[in-house]
Amino acid sequence: MISLFTLLSVSAYGQEPVLTYSGDLYFIPGNMTKAGEAFMVSVASSGTPKTYTIYDGDFKVVKSFTDPTSGIPYQERNIKMSCIYELEAGGTTRGVVSNWEVEEDQTVENVTDSKIQSFELYDDNNNYHSRSLCISQTFFNTDDDFEYVRTRYDIIPISTKYEDYAKEHSTGDNIPTVNPSWGNEEIDAIMRETGADYFDHIYDAERGKYVLKLYKNVTYGGLYSTGVEVVSLDGTVKAYLPGITSISSAYNFRGKCYVRGRGKDNTNVLYLLGNNTTDIKEVSREKAGLSIEKVGSNLIVNNTQNGNQVVVVSNMGGQILRNVKAAQGRTVIPVSGLQSGIYNITLFERSTPIESTKIILK
């Protein structure tokens, strides 16, 4: 990636601008194009949807495009509820002694922000490319079309619970739900019984005793990822890979393209791509080398890699919340202060993502 904003050519009369752009600049290497010639791509730094522009070696515009799935409006409604739970019988039956009451009810207006995925690319000659932005003519086939990879999302109606939609549309590779342990078996049992996400231990003056104030978050609407698409610049979907949300690496081997991605159930999935949308085969599915459990206010990451990696915890908006060096074996990541919700856990090696999964913190 080049961070300059103007490329200059030198002539006898001084410097004259040849290419001016706003945003980041990337390269498409020659072995990823049909004619074997390299191209450049600029990505606009502002605007939704973002504009991508491809330039040839003379800095002439070959193609300018936007992702048609970006900039689509959707809604997400988040409801925070609470109730009181008595820990001891004192003239009252032990358990929940008040109805769930709504404390907050917010509906947010959003727009989709589709991004071109990046991944490692290998070929038969042991050539290796770690692409910050992958646009290619040779990844899926060798026609004249440029293609890129994006995550496919369903927009959930605002009237539908996210949890219900996820269950109904699951392909059997659900995001693992990490059930927390609060270090107390009694509290753990109460949280499972009530479905609460977290609690406060407070003094209730009306009852004259300490009680648990339980909280539960419910989400309606939002986005649900269903798989990965290979798309041409005019928006035509050339391949659809269900059950994974990203591609970690791709391999061109004896004229065939294999892609490796992560399933929602923390498995590595290998697909063989054909030259059309129906000629796609799942070659293998195996448990990944990154496993996660929650103990108290910590995430325990078990890593079977070589120990030279970094674990990054980010929210669904891409904001990095934790960044911890991952030793081989067991790494403890504090997550106290994080709200209930879905988070990305990504294992990086030399700034390249090699393992990724999602968890639900409750």
Protein backbone atom coordinates (compact mmCIF):
# COMPACT_ATOMS: atom_id res chain seq x y z
CA MET A 1 0.00 0.00 0.00
CA ILE A 2 1.28 3.48 -0.87
CA SER A 3 0.34 6.34 1.44
CA LEU A 4 1.19 9.20 -0.99
CA PHE A 5 -1.60 11.27 -2.42
CA THR A 6 0.06 12.35 -5.69
CA LEU A 7 2.45 10.45 -7.97
CA LEU A 8 4.80 12.68 -9.95
CA SER A 9 6.65 12.38 -13.26
CA VAL A 10 9.85 14.33 -13.85
CA SER A 11 10.35 16.27 -17.07
CA ALA A 12 12.75 18.97 -18.21
CA TYR A 13 10.29 21.52 -16.95
CA GLY A 14 10.03 20.11 -13.42
CA GLN A 15 7.55 17.88 -11.69
CA GLU A 16 4.07 17.42 -13.06
CA PRO A 17 1.34 15.39 -11.36
CA VAL A 18 0.31 12.30 -13.29
CA LEU A 19 -2.08 10.68 -10.84
CA THR A 20 -3.94 12.39 -8.02
CA TYR A 21 -6.26 10.42 -5.75
CA SER A 22 -7.78 10.53 -2.29
CA GLY A 23 -7.29 7.46 -0.07
CA ASP A 24 -5.05 4.40 -0.20
CA LEU A 25 -3.27 2.89 -3.21
CA TYR A 26 -2.72 -0.84 -3.76
CA PHE A 27 -1.15 -3.00 -6.47
CA ILE A 28 -2.50 -5.94 -8.48
CA PRO A 29 0.64 -7.93 -9.46
CA GLY A 30 1.06 -9.18 -13.02
CA ASN A 31 0.57 -12.86 -12.12
CA MET A 32 -2.93 -11.97 -10.89
CA THR A 33 -4.00 -10.52 -14.26
CA LYS A 34 -4.84 -12.21 -17.56
CA ALA A 35 -2.22 -10.40 -19.66
CA GLY A 36 0.45 -10.56 -16.98
CA GLU A 37 0.52 -6.78 -16.55
CA ALA A 38 0.30 -5.11 -13.13
CA PHE A 39 -2.40 -2.60 -12.20
CA MET A 40 -2.95 -0.16 -9.35
CA VAL A 41 -6.12 0.33 -7.31
CA SER A 42 -7.08 3.42 -5.32
CA VAL A 43 -9.67 3.24 -2.54
CA ALA A 44 -11.52 6.44 -1.68
CA SER A 45 -10.97 7.48 1.94
CA SER A 46 -14.50 8.82 2.31
CA GLY A 47 -18.00 8.21 1.10
CA THR A 48 -20.39 5.28 1.42
CA PRO A 49 -20.21 3.18 -0.60
CA LYS A 50 -16.45 3.57 -1.15
CA THR A 51 -15.24 4.01 -4.73
CA TYR A 52 -12.49 1.71 -6.09
CA THR A 53 -10.57 2.79 -9.20
CA ILE A 54 -8.23 0.55 -11.24
CA TYR A 55 -5.39 2.20 -13.22
CA ASP A 56 -3.11 0.77 -15.91
CA GLY A 57 0.64 1.42 -16.25
CA ASP A 58 0.01 4.84 -17.86
CA PHE A 59 -2.26 5.83 -14.94
CA LYS A 60 -5.34 5.70 -17.13
CA VAL A 61 -8.58 4.57 -15.51
CA VAL A 62 -9.44 1.00 -16.48
CA LYS A 63 -12.48 0.67 -14.27
CA SER A 64 -14.13 2.56 -11.43
CA PHE A 65 -16.68 0.75 -9.29
CA THR A 66 -18.47 0.51 -5.95
CA ASP A 67 -19.67 -2.59 -4.14
CA PRO A 68 -23.47 -2.71 -4.64
CA THR A 69 -23.95 -4.37 -1.24
CA SER A 70 -22.41 -1.34 0.50
CA GLY A 71 -24.49 1.63 1.62
CA ILE A 72 -27.76 -0.31 2.06
CA PRO A 73 -29.74 0.98 5.09
CA TYR A 74 -30.73 -1.37 7.90
CA GLN A 75 -31.89 -1.09 11.50
CA GLU A 76 -30.76 -2.64 14.75
CA ARG A 77 -32.80 -2.46 17.95
CA ASN A 78 -31.08 -3.13 21.29
CA ILE A 79 -33.17 -3.65 24.43
CA LYS A 80 -31.67 -3.79 27.92
CA MET A 81 -33.90 -5.39 30.57
CA SER A 82 -33.50 -6.04 34.29
CA CYS A 83 -35.18 -7.92 37.13
CA ILE A 84 -34.56 -8.67 40.82
CA TYR A 85 -33.52 -12.11 42.08
CA GLU A 86 -33.52 -12.94 45.80
CA LEU A 87 -30.64 -15.09 46.97
CA GLU A 88 -32.26 -16.26 50.22
CA ALA A 89 -35.79 -17.06 51.28
CA GLY A 90 -37.06 -14.40 53.65
CA GLY A 91 -40.78 -14.48 53.56
CA THR A 92 -40.52 -14.72 49.80
CA THR A 93 -39.93 -17.66 47.52
CA ARG A 94 -36.32 -17.82 46.41
CA GLY A 95 -35.85 -16.75 42.82
CA VAL A 96 -37.03 -13.96 40.52
CA VAL A 97 -39.31 -11.61 42.46
CA SER A 98 -39.96 -8.96 39.80
CA ASN A 99 -40.86 -9.03 36.15
CA TRP A 100 -38.27 -8.21 33.51
CA GLU A 101 -38.48 -4.45 32.97
CA VAL A 102 -37.09 -2.48 30.04
CA GLU A 103 -34.35 -0.04 31.08
CA GLU A 104 -33.15 0.98 27.62
CA ASP A 105 -34.68 0.57 24.17
CA GLN A 106 -32.68 2.04 21.32
CA THR A 107 -33.06 1.63 17.56
CA VAL A 108 -30.02 2.56 15.48
CA GLU A 109 -30.10 3.41 11.77
CA ASN A 110 -27.06 1.92 9.99
CA VAL A 111 -25.83 1.30 6.45
CA THR A 112 -23.89 -1.73 5.27
CA ASP A 113 -20.15 -1.26 4.77
CA SER A 114 -18.97 -4.15 2.59
CA LYS A 115 -15.18 -4.49 2.35
CA ILE A 116 -13.03 -6.33 -0.16
CA GLN A 117 -11.37 -9.17 1.74
CA SER A 118 -7.63 -9.75 2.01
CA PHE A 119 -5.92 -13.12 2.26
CA GLU A 120 -2.74 -15.05 1.51
CA LEU A 121 -2.39 -16.33 -2.07
CA TYR A 122 -0.06 -19.17 -3.17
CA ASP A 123 0.60 -20.86 -6.52
CA ASP A 124 2.39 -23.95 -7.90
CA ASN A 125 5.71 -22.09 -8.22
CA ASN A 126 5.77 -21.32 -4.50
CA ASN A 127 5.04 -17.66 -5.22
CA TYR A 128 3.40 -16.07 -2.22
CA HIS A 129 1.44 -12.85 -1.94
CA SER A 130 -0.08 -11.38 1.20
CA ARG A 131 -2.69 -9.04 -0.19
CA SER A 132 -4.05 -6.09 1.77
CA LEU A 133 -6.69 -5.84 -0.96
CA CYS A 134 -7.37 -8.74 -3.30
CA ILE A 135 -8.67 -7.85 -6.77
CA SER A 136 -7.67 -10.32 -9.47
CA GLN A 137 -8.43 -11.66 -12.96
CA THR A 138 -6.95 -15.08 -12.21
CA PHE A 139 -8.24 -15.98 -8.76
CA PHE A 140 -11.52 -17.56 -9.88
CA ASN A 141 -10.89 -18.04 -13.61
CA THR A 142 -8.91 -16.42 -16.45
CA ASP A 143 -11.61 -14.41 -18.21
CA ASP A 144 -11.41 -10.64 -18.71
CA ASP A 145 -13.35 -9.85 -15.53
CA PHE A 146 -11.71 -8.51 -12.41
CA GLU A 147 -13.06 -10.22 -9.30
CA TYR A 148 -12.94 -9.73 -5.54
CA VAL A 149 -14.13 -11.50 -2.39
CA ARG A 150 -16.70 -10.20 0.10
CA THR A 151 -18.78 -11.53 2.99
CA ARG A 152 -22.47 -12.10 2.23
CA TYR A 153 -24.89 -10.67 4.79
CA ASP A 154 -28.63 -11.00 5.30
CA ILE A 155 -30.41 -7.91 6.59
CA ILE A 156 -32.61 -9.11 9.45
CA PRO A 157 -36.04 -7.41 9.71
CA ILE A 158 -36.28 -5.09 12.70
CA SER A 159 -39.28 -7.12 13.91
CA THR A 160 -37.16 -10.31 14.22
CA LYS A 161 -34.87 -11.26 17.10
CA TYR A 162 -31.28 -11.75 15.96
CA GLU A 163 -31.03 -14.96 18.02
CA ASP A 164 -34.17 -16.44 16.43
CA TYR A 165 -33.01 -15.56 12.92
CA ALA A 166 -29.59 -17.11 13.53
CA LYS A 167 -31.16 -20.36 14.75
CA GLU A 168 -33.57 -20.55 11.80
CA HIS A 169 -30.88 -19.90 9.19
CA SER A 170 -28.07 -21.87 10.74
CA THR A 171 -26.23 -24.32 8.49
CA GLY A 172 -25.01 -26.32 11.49
CA ASP A 173 -21.87 -24.29 12.07
CA ASN A 174 -23.11 -21.81 14.66
CA ILE A 175 -20.96 -19.24 16.40
CA PRO A 176 -19.88 -20.84 19.69
CA THR A 177 -21.62 -19.30 22.69
CA VAL A 178 -19.15 -18.76 25.50
CA ASN A 179 -21.00 -19.26 28.78
CA PRO A 180 -19.18 -17.33 31.49
CA SER A 181 -18.20 -18.65 34.88
CA TRP A 182 -18.51 -16.09 37.66
CA GLY A 183 -16.39 -18.17 40.03
CA ASN A 184 -19.48 -19.23 42.01
CA GLU A 185 -21.53 -22.31 41.13
CA GLU A 186 -24.69 -20.82 42.66
CA ILE A 187 -24.40 -17.64 40.58
CA ASP A 188 -23.59 -19.67 37.46
CA ALA A 189 -26.77 -21.72 37.97
CA ILE A 190 -28.88 -18.56 38.42
CA MET A 191 -27.50 -17.02 35.23
CA ARG A 192 -28.24 -20.17 33.23
CA GLU A 193 -31.72 -20.49 34.78
CA THR A 194 -32.78 -16.93 33.99
CA GLY A 195 -30.87 -16.40 30.76
CA ALA A 196 -29.33 -13.23 32.19
CA ASP A 197 -26.19 -11.77 30.60
CA TYR A 198 -24.69 -10.12 33.69
CA PHE A 199 -25.65 -8.91 37.19
CA ASP A 200 -25.08 -6.45 40.01
CA HIS A 201 -25.07 -7.40 43.70
CA ILE A 202 -27.04 -4.54 45.30
CA TYR A 203 -28.73 -3.68 48.61
CA ASP A 204 -32.52 -3.43 48.22
CA ALA A 205 -33.81 -1.04 50.91
CA GLU A 206 -37.41 -2.07 50.30
CA ARG A 207 -36.63 -5.72 51.05
CA GLY A 208 -33.94 -4.92 53.60
CA LYS A 209 -31.42 -7.32 52.07
CA TYR A 210 -28.86 -7.80 49.33
CA VAL A 211 -30.27 -9.11 46.06
CA LEU A 212 -29.07 -9.76 42.55
CA LYS A 213 -30.12 -7.32 39.88
CA LEU A 214 -30.04 -9.32 36.66
CA TYR A 215 -29.62 -7.82 33.19
CA LYS A 216 -30.46 -9.20 29.77
CA ASN A 217 -29.79 -7.74 26.32
CA VAL A 218 -32.03 -8.56 23.36
CA THR A 219 -31.21 -7.53 19.78
CA TYR A 220 -33.66 -7.21 16.90
CA GLY A 221 -32.64 -6.72 13.29
CA GLY A 222 -29.01 -6.19 12.29
CA LEU A 223 -26.82 -8.21 9.92
CA TYR A 224 -26.29 -11.98 9.75
CA SER A 225 -23.29 -13.35 7.83
CA THR A 226 -24.08 -16.41 5.72
CA GLY A 227 -20.94 -17.04 3.66
CA VAL A 228 -18.36 -15.67 1.22
CA GLU A 229 -18.89 -14.56 -2.38
CA VAL A 230 -16.53 -14.18 -5.35
CA VAL A 231 -17.89 -11.19 -7.26
CA SER A 232 -17.06 -9.47 -10.55
CA LEU A 233 -16.94 -5.67 -10.68
CA ASP A 234 -20.42 -5.43 -12.20
CA GLY A 235 -21.85 -7.20 -9.13
CA THR A 236 -22.24 -10.67 -10.67
CA VAL A 237 -21.74 -13.39 -8.04
CA LYS A 238 -19.48 -16.04 -9.59
CA ALA A 239 -19.08 -18.30 -6.55
CA TYR A 240 -20.72 -18.65 -3.16
CA LEU A 241 -19.06 -20.48 -0.25
CA PRO A 242 -21.59 -21.07 2.54
CA GLY A 243 -20.76 -21.42 6.20
CA ILE A 244 -17.56 -19.33 6.26
CA THR A 245 -17.27 -15.59 6.78
CA SER A 246 -13.78 -14.99 5.36
CA ILE A 247 -11.00 -16.59 3.31
CA SER A 248 -7.69 -16.93 5.13
CA SER A 249 -5.67 -18.29 2.18
CA ALA A 250 -6.02 -19.43 -1.43
CA TYR A 251 -3.96 -21.87 -3.51
CA ASN A 252 -3.64 -22.14 -7.29
CA PHE A 253 -2.61 -25.77 -7.85
CA ARG A 254 -2.47 -27.50 -11.26
CA GLY A 255 -4.94 -25.11 -12.79
CA LYS A 256 -7.41 -25.34 -9.92
CA CYS A 257 -8.11 -22.86 -7.14
CA TYR A 258 -8.51 -24.00 -3.53
CA VAL A 259 -9.60 -21.61 -0.78
CA ARG A 260 -9.34 -22.05 2.98
CA GLY A 261 -11.78 -20.33 5.32
CA ARG A 262 -13.09 -20.47 8.86
CA GLY A 263 -16.47 -21.95 9.70
CA LYS A 264 -18.57 -20.46 12.48
CA ASP A 265 -18.04 -23.58 14.57
CA ASN A 266 -14.26 -22.91 14.70
CA THR A 267 -13.40 -25.32 11.88
CA ASN A 268 -11.08 -24.86 8.92
CA VAL A 269 -12.89 -25.50 5.64
CA LEU A 270 -11.16 -26.15 2.29
CA TYR A 271 -13.16 -25.52 -0.90
CA LEU A 272 -12.29 -26.35 -4.52
CA LEU A 273 -13.58 -23.62 -6.83
CA GLY A 274 -14.79 -24.47 -10.31
CA ASN A 275 -15.36 -22.08 -13.19
CA ASN A 276 -19.04 -21.51 -12.46
CA THR A 277 -21.33 -21.01 -9.47
CA THR A 278 -22.38 -24.66 -9.28
CA ASP A 279 -18.98 -26.34 -9.64
CA ILE A 280 -17.81 -25.86 -6.02
CA LYS A 281 -16.82 -28.69 -3.70
CA GLU A 282 -16.03 -28.84 0.00
CA VAL A 283 -12.78 -30.82 0.15
CA SER A 284 -12.18 -30.99 3.90
CA ARG A 285 -13.37 -29.67 7.25
CA GLU A 286 -11.28 -29.93 10.40
CA LYS A 287 -11.17 -28.38 13.85
CA ALA A 288 -9.00 -25.26 13.88
CA GLY A 289 -5.91 -24.75 15.99
CA LEU A 290 -7.45 -21.89 17.94
CA SER A 291 -9.93 -22.66 20.72
CA ILE A 292 -11.48 -20.30 23.24
CA GLU A 293 -13.17 -20.63 26.60
CA LYS A 294 -14.30 -18.06 29.15
CA VAL A 295 -13.37 -18.36 32.82
CA GLY A 296 -14.56 -15.57 35.08
CA SER A 297 -13.71 -12.25 33.42
CA ASN A 298 -11.02 -13.77 31.18
CA LEU A 299 -10.87 -15.41 27.76
CA ILE A 300 -8.54 -18.41 27.65
CA VAL A 301 -7.08 -18.84 24.16
CA ASN A 302 -5.50 -22.22 23.41
CA ASN A 303 -3.15 -21.87 20.45
CA THR A 304 -1.50 -24.85 18.73
CA GLN A 305 0.56 -22.62 16.41
CA ASN A 306 4.25 -21.79 16.98
CA GLY A 307 3.71 -19.01 19.52
CA ASN A 308 4.85 -16.08 17.37
CA GLN A 309 1.38 -14.67 16.94
CA VAL A 310 -0.86 -11.91 18.28
CA VAL A 311 -4.49 -12.37 19.33
CA VAL A 312 -6.79 -9.45 18.55
CA VAL A 313 -10.30 -9.06 20.02
CA SER A 314 -12.51 -6.71 17.99
CA ASN A 315 -16.19 -5.86 17.87
CA MET A 316 -18.42 -6.37 14.83
CA GLY A 317 -17.63 -2.83 13.70
CA GLY A 318 -13.91 -3.68 13.47
CA GLN A 319 -12.83 -1.70 16.54
CA ILE A 320 -9.84 -3.38 18.24
CA LEU A 321 -10.54 -3.87 21.95
CA ARG A 322 -7.71 -6.20 23.00
CA ASN A 323 -4.30 -6.91 21.42
CA VAL A 324 -2.25 -9.62 23.18
CA LYS A 325 0.84 -11.65 22.19
CA ALA A 326 -0.25 -15.30 21.92
CA ALA A 327 2.15 -17.83 23.37
CA GLN A 328 1.98 -21.41 22.18
CA GLY A 329 -0.46 -23.12 24.49
CA ARG A 330 -2.55 -21.06 26.88
CA THR A 331 -2.99 -17.26 26.80
CA VAL A 332 -5.21 -15.31 29.20
CA ILE A 333 -7.02 -12.23 27.84
CA PRO A 334 -9.01 -10.09 30.30
CA VAL A 335 -12.42 -9.10 28.89
CA SER A 336 -13.95 -7.42 31.92
CA GLY A 337 -15.78 -4.30 30.81
CA LEU A 338 -16.86 -5.74 27.45
CA GLN A 339 -20.61 -5.73 26.93
CA SER A 340 -22.56 -8.80 25.94
CA GLY A 341 -22.47 -9.37 22.21
CA ILE A 342 -20.59 -10.93 19.29
CA TYR A 343 -16.82 -10.43 19.02
CA ASN A 344 -14.14 -11.38 16.48
CA ILE A 345 -11.10 -13.25 17.79
CA THR A 346 -8.27 -13.21 15.22
CA LEU A 347 -4.82 -14.79 15.37
CA PHE A 348 -2.21 -12.74 13.42
CA GLU A 349 1.29 -13.70 12.33
CA ARG A 350 3.43 -10.89 10.84
CA SER A 351 0.29 -8.75 10.39
CA THR A 352 -1.44 -11.53 8.41
CA PRO A 353 -4.60 -13.17 9.81
CA ILE A 354 -4.09 -16.95 10.01
CA GLU A 355 -6.96 -18.01 12.27
CA SER A 356 -10.24 -16.29 13.04
CA THR A 357 -13.43 -17.10 14.88
CA LYS A 358 -16.39 -15.35 16.48
CA ILE A 359 -17.74 -15.71 20.00
CA ILE A 360 -20.81 -14.54 21.83
CA LEU A 361 -20.14 -13.11 25.27
CA LYS A 362 -23.14 -13.49 27.55
